[in-house]
Amino acid sequence: MPVIHREKLTCALNNPDKIWDVIIVGGGATGLGTALDAASRGYNTLLLEQADFAKGTSSRSTKLVHGGVRYLAQGDIGLVREALYERGLLLKNAAHLVKNESFIIPNYQWWKGAYYSFGLTLYDLLAGKLSFGRSKHISKKETIDRLPGIKQQGLYGGVVYHDGQFDDARLAINLAQTCLEQGATVLNYFKVTGLLKAGGKTTGVWATDMETGVAYQIKSKAVINATGVFVDELMQQDEPHKKPLVRPSQGIHIVLDKSFMPGDDALMIPETDDGRVLFAVPWHGKLLIGTTDTPVDEHSLEPRALEEEIGFVMRNVSRYLTNAPERKDVLSVFAGLRPLAAPQEGKKGTKEISRRHKIIVSASGLITITGGKWTTYRRMAQDTVDNAIETAGLDMRKCMTTNLPIHGNIKDVDRADHLYVYGSDRDALLDLINENPEWAEKLHPDLDYIKAEVVWALRYEMARTVEDVLARRVRVLFLDARAAMEMAPVVAGLMAIELKKDKNWEVSQADEFIKLAKGYLL
């Protein structure tokens, strides 16, 4: 695999007369999926992301590839069927990152077992050939054996069902690599500052390289706004009096040591104080618990968990665990924003708003994609590119992503080895140690991550900052914020050598990361 040089990628922007087929603004799940769809159809494709890939919502999910059991309860069978189909494709196309996870719903009322079994049988049927396994009722004893740490008093039994689990930011990075392999140009730290217009039509973008400060005027037949919670900013540049399309909703997660629920199964809490579901999922050797649904008025790249949300998650999970977690037990807490369609007049709640995606084409031809969820990113991308073909008059070419393997895809991985997330790249990463034996050393005495992973992230995964490495290439900020802070100076030192940066850069990178990571601690 060739080293990815940023300077080579930016060269593609040097010709101001070049007209791209498609420019995508936004490097989260939707933007990367759209870039991959467009590039794999043979369109000349450029993706620009103002921060790092998956910096926002796309690295802050519950790590589930799922049909959405609760959308079934809301009667949205079409959405569930589509998501279950996409879940099956993801397990096939990114087998190194997506796994079949069993979830257990404990029953504390005798009739609930039959109620959940009925609903989940429908869920299994909707999955058809791509089913992950049949749901079934299990006894009280089996429930206790499989969910060590579950409250036993009043327990009647449980219902087991199957869904997918994955690493969201790792999948985003692999999508970016696949885009490059398909001929696209994708750039992080490249901010779109405005739209080019001619005769009332959108004809490209103004963009600035955030590292060099160089501004570019880039022409394109189609411009796609895939900026998640930020979609209104670009839409209002296009049509200044446009009413906001998105109302952000915040979801938080807390991360605990695995000892609170040491089994391999995930816990699904079917009803919380506000009628939502809550998940406690084993993830990278820890226990991830979430999420909330809190309407918020502003959006940022670094949302913060609110005290009421932390209390809500702790309170609701404590009802189910014999060892109730306390604040001191929380290893990391993180928040993400969902780009929900702004509610209609008189409607306040967010949990009723559909998770379906929407595509809007403005009078100038700007294409905006919003809504949806990680599981359906590929289908969202397909619909968006189909729309761009029509809007911009591109040559008609069919979608190629249904069976397209994502970079790293490999069937058999050893999940006991933390390097499994690299899939088919694992051996090449370990080969770096031949270049410098010191890179076999651990980044932290209590964790498995090694120095070679930092070098790999810089050379092959487009990481530019300490945060890129510790939050999204190795996921330690989300798993154990204190350990991440302790690793920061070592990571900054390795990066400074590899990127040929001076001591000031090294120190400021470590300091900036430590300041950011404090927001992940209670």
Protein backbone atom coordinates (compact mmCIF):
# COMPACT_ATOMS: atom_id res chain seq x y z
CA MET A 1 0.00 0.00 0.00
CA PRO A 2 1.57 3.34 -0.99
CA VAL A 3 2.15 6.07 1.60
CA ILE A 4 -0.54 8.78 1.33
CA HIS A 5 1.10 12.19 0.83
CA ARG A 6 -1.13 15.20 1.52
CA GLU A 7 0.90 17.39 -0.86
CA LYS A 8 0.20 14.98 -3.73
CA LEU A 9 -3.54 15.05 -2.97
CA THR A 10 -3.68 18.86 -2.90
CA CYS A 11 -1.88 19.01 -6.30
CA ALA A 12 -5.16 17.85 -7.83
CA LEU A 13 -6.64 21.26 -6.88
CA ASN A 14 -3.98 23.42 -8.52
CA ASN A 15 -5.69 23.75 -11.91
CA PRO A 16 -8.45 26.39 -11.51
CA ASP A 17 -9.98 25.41 -14.89
CA LYS A 18 -10.52 21.75 -13.94
CA ILE A 19 -14.21 20.87 -13.53
CA TRP A 20 -14.89 17.97 -11.14
CA ASP A 21 -17.98 15.82 -11.63
CA VAL A 22 -18.81 15.84 -7.93
CA ILE A 23 -17.61 17.81 -4.90
CA ILE A 24 -18.75 16.49 -1.52
CA VAL A 25 -18.59 18.74 1.52
CA GLY A 26 -18.30 16.74 4.76
CA GLY A 27 -16.20 13.73 5.73
CA GLY A 28 -18.48 11.77 8.04
CA ALA A 29 -20.29 8.52 7.23
CA THR A 30 -22.60 10.13 4.67
CA GLY A 31 -19.95 12.19 2.88
CA LEU A 32 -17.43 9.34 2.71
CA GLY A 33 -20.12 6.93 1.54
CA THR A 34 -21.19 9.38 -1.17
CA ALA A 35 -17.59 9.93 -2.32
CA LEU A 36 -17.08 6.16 -2.54
CA ASP A 37 -20.30 5.67 -4.49
CA ALA A 38 -19.43 8.45 -6.95
CA ALA A 39 -15.79 7.41 -7.42
CA SER A 40 -16.63 3.72 -7.86
CA ARG A 41 -19.05 4.69 -10.67
CA GLY A 42 -16.13 6.45 -12.36
CA TYR A 43 -17.02 10.07 -11.62
CA ASN A 44 -14.21 12.53 -10.94
CA THR A 45 -14.78 13.01 -7.20
CA LEU A 46 -13.46 15.39 -4.54
CA LEU A 47 -14.34 15.28 -0.83
CA LEU A 48 -13.42 18.11 1.55
CA GLU A 49 -13.70 17.88 5.37
CA GLN A 50 -13.09 20.91 7.60
CA ALA A 51 -11.69 18.85 10.52
CA ASP A 52 -10.79 15.14 10.58
CA PHE A 53 -12.82 12.34 9.01
CA ALA A 54 -15.64 11.30 11.39
CA LYS A 55 -14.64 14.04 13.86
CA GLY A 56 -18.31 14.78 14.61
CA THR A 57 -21.32 12.48 14.90
CA SER A 58 -19.75 9.61 12.95
CA SER A 59 -17.23 8.70 15.68
CA ARG A 60 -19.71 9.11 18.57
CA SER A 61 -22.35 6.45 17.88
CA THR A 62 -23.48 3.50 20.05
CA LYS A 63 -21.28 1.34 17.74
CA LEU A 64 -24.31 -0.62 16.48
CA VAL A 65 -25.01 -1.74 12.92
CA HIS A 66 -28.68 -2.37 13.42
CA GLY A 67 -32.15 -2.38 11.93
CA GLY A 68 -33.45 -0.40 14.89
CA VAL A 69 -35.64 -2.42 17.23
CA ARG A 70 -37.32 0.74 18.45
CA TYR A 71 -38.20 1.93 14.93
CA LEU A 72 -40.10 -1.35 14.68
CA ALA A 73 -42.02 -0.38 17.83
CA GLN A 74 -42.80 2.96 16.12
CA GLY A 75 -44.18 1.04 13.13
CA ASP A 76 -41.53 2.18 10.61
CA ILE A 77 -41.21 -1.21 8.93
CA GLY A 78 -39.75 0.19 5.69
CA LEU A 79 -36.84 1.82 7.52
CA VAL A 80 -36.18 -1.35 9.55
CA ARG A 81 -36.20 -3.56 6.45
CA GLU A 82 -33.79 -1.24 4.61
CA ALA A 83 -31.45 -1.04 7.62
CA LEU A 84 -31.44 -4.83 8.11
CA TYR A 85 -30.52 -5.31 4.44
CA GLU A 86 -27.66 -2.77 4.76
CA ARG A 87 -26.53 -4.44 8.01
CA GLY A 88 -26.08 -7.69 6.08
CA LEU A 89 -24.03 -5.95 3.37
CA LEU A 90 -21.78 -4.30 5.98
CA LEU A 91 -21.04 -7.64 7.65
CA LYS A 92 -19.95 -8.94 4.24
CA ASN A 93 -18.05 -5.86 2.96
CA ALA A 94 -16.29 -4.82 6.19
CA ALA A 95 -16.04 -8.16 7.99
CA HIS A 96 -12.98 -7.08 9.99
CA LEU A 97 -14.93 -4.30 11.74
CA VAL A 98 -18.52 -5.54 11.87
CA LYS A 99 -19.50 -8.49 14.04
CA ASN A 100 -22.62 -10.36 15.00
CA GLU A 101 -23.43 -9.38 18.61
CA SER A 102 -26.06 -11.06 20.81
CA PHE A 103 -28.27 -8.76 22.90
CA ILE A 104 -30.30 -9.85 25.90
CA ILE A 105 -33.48 -8.11 27.10
CA PRO A 106 -34.06 -9.13 30.75
CA ASN A 107 -37.73 -9.64 31.72
CA TYR A 108 -38.91 -8.48 35.13
CA GLN A 109 -42.62 -8.93 34.30
CA TRP A 110 -43.75 -12.45 33.35
CA TRP A 111 -45.72 -11.37 30.23
CA LYS A 112 -42.93 -9.22 28.77
CA GLY A 113 -40.97 -12.25 27.52
CA ALA A 114 -43.77 -13.22 25.11
CA TYR A 115 -44.25 -9.57 24.09
CA TYR A 116 -40.57 -9.07 23.16
CA SER A 117 -40.32 -12.50 21.52
CA PHE A 118 -43.21 -11.62 19.20
CA GLY A 119 -41.69 -8.27 18.14
CA LEU A 120 -38.24 -9.75 17.61
CA THR A 121 -39.60 -12.64 15.53
CA LEU A 122 -40.91 -9.97 13.13
CA TYR A 123 -37.45 -8.30 13.25
CA ASP A 124 -35.83 -11.64 12.25
CA LEU A 125 -38.34 -12.16 9.42
CA LEU A 126 -37.67 -8.68 8.00
CA ALA A 127 -33.92 -9.53 7.79
CA GLY A 128 -34.71 -12.50 5.49
CA LYS A 129 -31.59 -14.23 4.08
CA LEU A 130 -29.36 -11.64 5.76
CA SER A 131 -30.52 -12.59 9.26
CA PHE A 132 -27.86 -12.62 12.00
CA GLY A 133 -29.64 -15.40 13.92
CA ARG A 134 -33.05 -16.18 15.40
CA SER A 135 -34.23 -14.52 18.59
CA LYS A 136 -35.30 -16.82 21.43
CA HIS A 137 -36.54 -16.85 25.00
CA ILE A 138 -34.03 -17.95 27.67
CA SER A 139 -34.50 -19.02 31.30
CA LYS A 140 -33.70 -16.99 34.39
CA LYS A 141 -30.61 -19.14 35.02
CA GLU A 142 -29.26 -18.66 31.49
CA THR A 143 -29.93 -14.92 31.66
CA ILE A 144 -27.88 -14.69 34.88
CA ASP A 145 -25.09 -16.87 33.43
CA ARG A 146 -24.85 -14.79 30.26
CA LEU A 147 -25.22 -11.37 31.92
CA PRO A 148 -23.04 -11.66 35.04
CA GLY A 149 -23.78 -8.59 37.14
CA ILE A 150 -27.50 -8.38 36.22
CA LYS A 151 -29.98 -7.79 39.07
CA GLN A 152 -31.59 -11.13 39.93
CA GLN A 153 -34.47 -10.07 42.16
CA GLY A 154 -37.78 -10.30 40.27
CA LEU A 155 -36.08 -11.62 37.10
CA TYR A 156 -38.20 -14.08 35.08
CA GLY A 157 -35.84 -14.73 32.17
CA GLY A 158 -34.66 -12.99 29.03
CA VAL A 159 -34.99 -12.72 25.28
CA VAL A 160 -31.88 -12.99 23.09
CA TYR A 161 -31.71 -11.35 19.68
CA HIS A 162 -28.86 -10.60 17.25
CA ASP A 163 -27.63 -7.35 15.75
CA GLY A 164 -24.39 -5.91 14.43
CA GLN A 165 -21.61 -4.11 16.26
CA PHE A 166 -18.68 -2.18 14.78
CA ASP A 167 -16.02 0.49 15.24
CA ASP A 168 -17.46 3.64 13.68
CA ALA A 169 -14.37 5.85 13.26
CA ARG A 170 -12.25 2.93 12.01
CA LEU A 171 -14.87 2.22 9.34
CA ALA A 172 -14.78 5.91 8.33
CA ILE A 173 -10.98 5.78 7.91
CA ASN A 174 -11.26 2.59 5.84
CA LEU A 175 -13.94 4.25 3.68
CA ALA A 176 -11.57 7.20 3.06
CA GLN A 177 -8.84 4.73 2.00
CA THR A 178 -11.29 2.91 -0.30
CA CYS A 179 -12.28 6.26 -1.87
CA LEU A 180 -8.60 6.91 -2.71
CA GLU A 181 -8.27 3.41 -4.17
CA GLN A 182 -11.30 4.13 -6.37
CA GLY A 183 -9.67 7.30 -7.70
CA ALA A 184 -11.30 9.97 -5.53
CA THR A 185 -9.40 12.82 -3.88
CA VAL A 186 -10.31 13.11 -0.18
CA LEU A 187 -8.85 15.74 2.12
CA ASN A 188 -9.28 16.41 5.81
CA TYR A 189 -8.55 19.85 7.35
CA PHE A 190 -9.90 21.51 4.23
CA LYS A 191 -12.71 23.96 4.93
CA VAL A 192 -15.33 24.98 2.37
CA THR A 193 -15.84 28.73 2.93
CA GLY A 194 -18.39 29.52 0.20
CA LEU A 195 -20.18 28.46 -2.96
CA LEU A 196 -19.24 29.46 -6.50
CA LYS A 197 -22.25 30.67 -8.49
CA ALA A 198 -22.82 31.45 -12.17
CA GLY A 199 -26.20 32.38 -13.67
CA GLY A 200 -27.96 31.48 -10.41
CA LYS A 201 -26.47 27.97 -10.40
CA THR A 202 -23.97 26.46 -7.94
CA THR A 203 -20.84 25.74 -9.97
CA GLY A 204 -18.28 24.84 -7.28
CA VAL A 205 -16.83 25.91 -3.94
CA TRP A 206 -14.30 28.19 -2.32
CA ALA A 207 -12.12 26.19 0.06
CA THR A 208 -9.11 26.78 2.31
CA ASP A 209 -6.38 24.32 3.28
CA MET A 210 -6.44 24.72 7.09
CA GLU A 211 -2.78 23.65 7.33
CA THR A 212 -1.25 26.03 4.79
CA GLY A 213 -3.88 28.78 4.66
CA VAL A 214 -3.95 28.53 0.85
CA ALA A 215 -7.41 29.28 -0.65
CA TYR A 216 -8.74 27.49 -3.73
CA GLN A 217 -11.54 28.11 -6.20
CA ILE A 218 -12.77 24.67 -7.29
CA LYS A 219 -15.34 24.09 -10.06
CA SER A 220 -17.77 21.19 -10.17
CA LYS A 221 -20.85 19.94 -12.02
CA ALA A 222 -22.48 18.83 -8.75
CA VAL A 223 -21.95 20.05 -5.16
CA ILE A 224 -23.23 17.82 -2.37
CA ASN A 225 -23.75 19.14 1.16
CA ALA A 226 -23.17 16.17 3.50
CA THR A 227 -22.17 18.13 6.60
CA GLY A 228 -24.47 16.46 9.13
CA VAL A 229 -25.54 18.86 11.89
CA PHE A 230 -23.87 21.69 9.94
CA VAL A 231 -26.02 21.36 6.77
CA ASP A 232 -27.92 24.58 7.44
CA GLU A 233 -24.74 26.68 7.26
CA LEU A 234 -24.08 25.74 3.63
CA MET A 235 -27.79 25.88 2.75
CA GLN A 236 -28.01 29.41 4.12
CA GLN A 237 -25.00 30.49 2.06
CA ASP A 238 -26.94 29.19 -0.93
CA GLU A 239 -30.31 30.69 0.11
CA PRO A 240 -29.80 33.20 2.96
CA HIS A 241 -33.47 33.23 4.05
CA LYS A 242 -33.82 29.45 4.22
CA LYS A 243 -35.49 28.10 7.38
CA PRO A 244 -33.29 25.67 9.32
CA LEU A 245 -33.66 22.09 8.15
CA VAL A 246 -31.96 20.39 11.10
CA ARG A 247 -32.61 20.37 14.81
CA PRO A 248 -29.64 18.76 16.58
CA SER A 249 -30.36 16.12 19.21
CA GLN A 250 -27.56 15.11 21.58
CA GLY A 251 -26.77 11.56 22.61
CA ILE A 252 -24.15 10.71 25.23
CA HIS A 253 -22.32 7.53 26.23
CA ILE A 254 -20.42 6.57 29.34
CA VAL A 255 -17.66 3.96 29.35
CA LEU A 256 -17.00 1.66 32.31
CA ASP A 257 -14.60 -1.15 33.10
CA LYS A 258 -15.81 -4.51 31.75
CA SER A 259 -16.04 -5.89 35.33
CA PHE A 260 -19.49 -4.26 35.70
CA MET A 261 -20.86 -6.80 33.19
CA PRO A 262 -18.08 -9.22 32.20
CA GLY A 263 -19.95 -11.45 29.72
CA ASP A 264 -19.82 -11.38 25.91
CA ASP A 265 -23.49 -10.48 25.49
CA ALA A 266 -24.86 -6.93 25.34
CA LEU A 267 -27.69 -5.74 27.55
CA MET A 268 -30.70 -3.98 26.04
CA ILE A 269 -32.79 -2.04 28.55
CA PRO A 270 -36.19 -1.86 26.86
CA GLU A 271 -37.62 1.12 28.67
CA THR A 272 -36.04 4.08 30.44
CA ASP A 273 -37.53 7.10 32.25
CA ASP A 274 -38.33 8.77 28.92
CA GLY A 275 -39.54 5.63 27.12
CA ARG A 276 -36.34 5.11 25.09
CA VAL A 277 -34.10 2.07 25.02
CA LEU A 278 -30.63 1.98 26.56
CA PHE A 279 -27.76 -0.32 25.57
CA ALA A 280 -24.79 -1.64 27.57
CA VAL A 281 -22.43 -3.11 24.98
CA PRO A 282 -19.00 -4.77 25.31
CA TRP A 283 -16.62 -2.73 23.12
CA HIS A 284 -12.81 -3.00 22.86
CA GLY A 285 -12.57 -4.60 26.31
CA LYS A 286 -14.76 -1.99 28.04
CA LEU A 287 -18.50 -1.52 28.61
CA LEU A 288 -20.16 1.23 26.55
CA ILE A 289 -23.53 2.51 27.84
CA GLY A 290 -25.91 4.86 26.04
CA THR A 291 -27.63 6.77 24.71
CA THR A 292 -29.76 9.86 25.41
CA ASP A 293 -31.91 12.04 23.16
CA THR A 294 -31.69 15.67 24.24
CA PRO A 295 -32.76 18.51 21.93
CA VAL A 296 -30.01 21.16 21.82
CA ASP A 297 -30.06 24.62 20.30
CA GLU A 298 -26.51 24.88 19.06
CA HIS A 299 -24.08 22.53 17.41
CA SER A 300 -20.32 22.24 17.77
CA LEU A 301 -17.52 19.86 16.80
CA GLU A 302 -16.97 19.06 20.49
CA PRO A 303 -20.36 18.76 22.20
CA ARG A 304 -20.27 18.14 25.95
CA ALA A 305 -22.36 15.71 27.98
CA LEU A 306 -24.87 17.55 30.19
CA GLU A 307 -25.15 16.71 33.90
CA GLU A 308 -28.80 15.66 33.46
CA GLU A 309 -27.80 13.22 30.69
CA ILE A 310 -25.02 11.67 32.79
CA GLY A 311 -27.50 11.27 35.68
CA PHE A 312 -30.09 9.72 33.34
CA VAL A 313 -27.70 7.05 32.01
CA MET A 314 -26.24 6.21 35.46
CA ARG A 315 -29.70 6.04 37.07
CA ASN A 316 -31.25 3.84 34.40
CA VAL A 317 -28.36 1.37 34.10
CA SER A 318 -28.06 1.12 37.91
CA ARG A 319 -31.57 -0.37 38.06
CA TYR A 320 -30.29 -3.40 36.16
CA LEU A 321 -26.80 -3.97 37.60
CA THR A 322 -26.00 -5.45 41.00
CA ASN A 323 -22.93 -3.23 41.21
CA ALA A 324 -24.29 0.25 40.49
CA PRO A 325 -21.62 2.43 38.83
CA GLU A 326 -20.55 5.69 40.49
CA ARG A 327 -19.06 8.77 38.87
CA LYS A 328 -15.53 7.73 39.87
CA ASP A 329 -15.97 4.53 37.81
CA VAL A 330 -16.54 6.36 34.52
CA LEU A 331 -13.45 6.02 32.28
CA SER A 332 -14.73 8.31 29.54
CA VAL A 333 -17.91 10.19 28.65
CA PHE A 334 -18.60 11.49 25.16
CA ALA A 335 -21.42 13.27 23.37
CA GLY A 336 -22.53 13.28 19.74
CA LEU A 337 -25.16 15.22 17.80
CA ARG A 338 -27.76 13.67 15.50
CA PRO A 339 -28.91 15.77 12.55
CA LEU A 340 -32.67 15.30 12.95
CA ALA A 341 -35.18 16.97 10.66
CA ALA A 342 -36.34 20.16 12.42
CA PRO A 343 -39.74 19.42 14.05
CA GLN A 344 -42.89 20.79 12.44
CA GLU A 345 -44.86 23.58 14.10
CA GLY A 346 -46.06 22.58 17.56
CA LYS A 347 -43.98 19.38 17.86
CA LYS A 348 -41.32 19.32 20.56
CA GLY A 349 -40.04 15.74 20.95
CA THR A 350 -37.07 14.30 19.07
CA LYS A 351 -37.51 10.59 19.67
CA GLU A 352 -40.57 10.55 17.37
CA ILE A 353 -38.72 12.23 14.48
CA SER A 354 -37.97 9.73 11.73
CA ARG A 355 -34.38 8.59 11.23
CA ARG A 356 -35.02 8.36 7.49
CA HIS A 357 -32.71 10.34 5.25
CA LYS A 358 -33.84 13.27 3.13
CA ILE A 359 -32.35 14.73 -0.05
CA ILE A 360 -33.11 18.35 -0.87
CA VAL A 361 -32.12 20.08 -4.13
CA SER A 362 -32.15 23.88 -4.03
CA ALA A 363 -33.03 26.17 -6.96
CA SER A 364 -29.29 26.63 -7.60
CA GLY A 365 -28.72 22.87 -7.79
CA LEU A 366 -27.01 22.45 -4.38
CA ILE A 367 -27.78 18.90 -3.21
CA THR A 368 -28.21 18.42 0.55
CA ILE A 369 -28.40 15.00 2.22
CA THR A 370 -29.47 14.84 5.86
CA GLY A 371 -30.84 12.44 8.48
CA GLY A 372 -30.27 8.70 8.35
CA LYS A 373 -27.86 6.64 10.46
CA TRP A 374 -24.53 4.82 10.14
CA THR A 375 -26.13 1.50 9.19
CA THR A 376 -27.78 2.97 6.08
CA TYR A 377 -24.85 5.17 4.97
CA ARG A 378 -24.35 3.16 1.74
CA ARG A 379 -27.99 3.43 0.68
CA MET A 380 -28.00 7.16 1.49
CA ALA A 381 -24.93 7.58 -0.72
CA GLN A 382 -26.52 5.63 -3.58
CA ASP A 383 -29.67 7.80 -3.48
CA THR A 384 -27.57 10.99 -3.29
CA VAL A 385 -25.41 10.12 -6.31
CA ASP A 386 -28.49 9.04 -8.28
CA ASN A 387 -29.90 12.47 -7.49
CA ALA A 388 -26.66 14.21 -8.55
CA ILE A 389 -26.72 12.40 -11.92
CA GLU A 390 -30.17 13.85 -12.57
CA THR A 391 -29.51 17.33 -11.13
CA ALA A 392 -26.12 17.89 -12.80
CA GLY A 393 -26.77 15.92 -15.99
CA LEU A 394 -23.92 13.46 -15.41
CA ASP A 395 -23.59 10.35 -17.60
CA MET A 396 -25.86 7.64 -16.25
CA ARG A 397 -23.82 4.91 -14.48
CA LYS A 398 -25.07 2.28 -12.09
CA CYS A 399 -24.20 1.97 -8.39
CA MET A 400 -21.24 -0.36 -7.69
CA THR A 401 -21.10 -0.44 -3.87
CA THR A 402 -23.48 -3.32 -3.02
CA ASN A 403 -20.67 -5.87 -3.25
CA LEU A 404 -17.64 -3.56 -3.02
CA PRO A 405 -15.25 -4.68 -0.24
CA ILE A 406 -14.11 -1.86 2.04
CA HIS A 407 -10.36 -1.42 2.61
CA GLY A 408 -9.14 -3.92 5.23
CA ASN A 409 -12.01 -6.36 4.64
CA ILE A 410 -11.00 -9.84 5.76
CA LYS A 411 -13.25 -12.62 7.00
CA ASP A 412 -11.33 -14.21 9.85
CA VAL A 413 -9.93 -11.89 12.49
CA ASP A 414 -8.75 -12.72 15.99
CA ARG A 415 -10.68 -10.28 18.17
CA ALA A 416 -8.46 -11.13 21.13
CA ASP A 417 -5.65 -9.30 19.28
CA HIS A 418 -6.35 -5.55 19.44
CA LEU A 419 -4.80 -5.12 15.96
CA TYR A 420 -7.78 -6.96 14.42
CA VAL A 421 -9.30 -3.56 13.49
CA TYR A 422 -6.63 -3.18 10.78
CA GLY A 423 -7.97 -6.26 8.98
CA SER A 424 -5.81 -7.09 5.94
CA ASP A 425 -3.37 -4.27 6.90
CA ARG A 426 -2.36 -5.92 10.19
CA ASP A 427 0.75 -7.70 8.89
CA ALA A 428 1.98 -4.63 6.99
CA LEU A 429 1.59 -2.57 10.15
CA LEU A 430 3.70 -5.08 12.10
CA ASP A 431 6.31 -4.97 9.31
CA LEU A 432 7.01 -1.34 10.31
CA ILE A 433 8.80 -2.78 13.35
CA ASN A 434 11.53 -4.08 11.01
CA GLU A 435 12.22 -0.46 10.08
CA ASN A 436 12.48 0.58 13.75
CA PRO A 437 12.31 -2.06 16.53
CA GLU A 438 11.41 0.67 19.05
CA TRP A 439 7.99 0.90 17.37
CA ALA A 440 7.06 -2.44 18.97
CA GLU A 441 6.93 -0.69 22.36
CA LYS A 442 3.61 0.05 24.05
CA LEU A 443 2.24 3.60 24.16
CA HIS A 444 0.91 2.99 27.70
CA PRO A 445 1.90 0.28 30.20
CA ASP A 446 -1.74 -0.76 30.86
CA LEU A 447 -2.94 -0.83 27.24
CA ASP A 448 -2.01 -2.86 24.15
CA TYR A 449 -1.51 -0.03 21.63
CA ILE A 450 1.99 0.17 20.15
CA LYS A 451 4.10 2.96 18.63
CA ALA A 452 3.88 1.40 15.14
CA GLU A 453 0.16 2.27 15.13
CA VAL A 454 0.99 5.98 15.34
CA VAL A 455 3.40 5.77 12.39
CA TRP A 456 0.81 3.75 10.44
CA ALA A 457 -1.89 6.35 11.17
CA LEU A 458 0.35 9.11 9.78
CA ARG A 459 1.56 7.31 6.68
CA TYR A 460 -1.54 5.42 5.59
CA GLU A 461 -4.55 6.84 7.44
CA MET A 462 -4.19 10.61 6.96
CA ALA A 463 -3.90 11.45 10.69
CA ARG A 464 -2.60 15.01 11.19
CA THR A 465 -2.92 15.68 14.94
CA VAL A 466 -2.52 13.86 18.27
CA GLU A 467 -6.31 13.94 18.57
CA ASP A 468 -6.73 12.23 15.19
CA VAL A 469 -4.52 9.39 16.43
CA LEU A 470 -5.85 8.97 19.99
CA ALA A 471 -9.54 9.61 19.27
CA ARG A 472 -10.17 8.08 15.85
CA ARG A 473 -7.23 5.88 14.69
CA VAL A 474 -6.77 4.14 18.05
CA ARG A 475 -9.92 4.73 20.08
CA VAL A 476 -8.36 5.32 23.48
CA LEU A 477 -9.87 8.78 24.14
CA PHE A 478 -13.32 7.19 23.96
CA LEU A 479 -12.28 4.20 26.08
CA ASP A 480 -10.10 5.69 28.83
CA ALA A 481 -9.58 9.46 28.73
CA ARG A 482 -6.97 9.49 31.54
CA ALA A 483 -4.81 6.93 29.77
CA ALA A 484 -5.16 8.94 26.53
CA MET A 485 -3.84 12.05 28.31
CA GLU A 486 -0.85 10.08 29.60
CA MET A 487 -0.11 8.82 26.08
CA ALA A 488 -0.31 12.26 24.42
CA PRO A 489 3.36 13.38 24.90
CA VAL A 490 4.69 10.06 23.52
CA VAL A 491 2.37 10.25 20.51
CA ALA A 492 3.27 13.91 19.87
CA GLY A 493 6.99 13.00 19.98
CA LEU A 494 6.58 10.20 17.42
CA MET A 495 4.49 12.48 15.19
CA ALA A 496 6.99 15.34 15.33
CA ILE A 497 9.76 13.04 14.04
CA GLU A 498 7.60 11.50 11.30
CA LEU A 499 6.09 14.82 10.12
CA LYS A 500 9.39 16.74 10.59
CA LYS A 501 7.88 19.21 13.05
CA ASP A 502 9.72 21.21 15.72
CA LYS A 503 9.60 20.99 19.51
CA ASN A 504 7.03 23.81 19.76
CA TRP A 505 4.61 21.89 17.53
CA GLU A 506 5.17 18.73 19.60
CA VAL A 507 4.49 20.48 22.94
CA SER A 508 1.46 22.40 21.69
CA GLN A 509 -0.07 19.25 20.16
CA ALA A 510 0.21 17.35 23.44
CA ASP A 511 -1.13 20.33 25.43
CA GLU A 512 -4.09 20.87 23.09
CA PHE A 513 -5.03 17.20 23.27
CA ILE A 514 -4.80 17.07 27.08
CA LYS A 515 -7.05 20.14 27.31
CA LEU A 516 -9.60 18.50 24.99
CA ALA A 517 -9.45 15.14 26.81
CA LYS A 518 -10.33 16.75 30.15
CA GLY A 519 -13.81 17.25 28.69
CA TYR A 520 -14.18 13.44 28.50
CA LEU A 521 -13.74 13.05 32.26
CA LEU A 522 -16.40 13.52 34.94
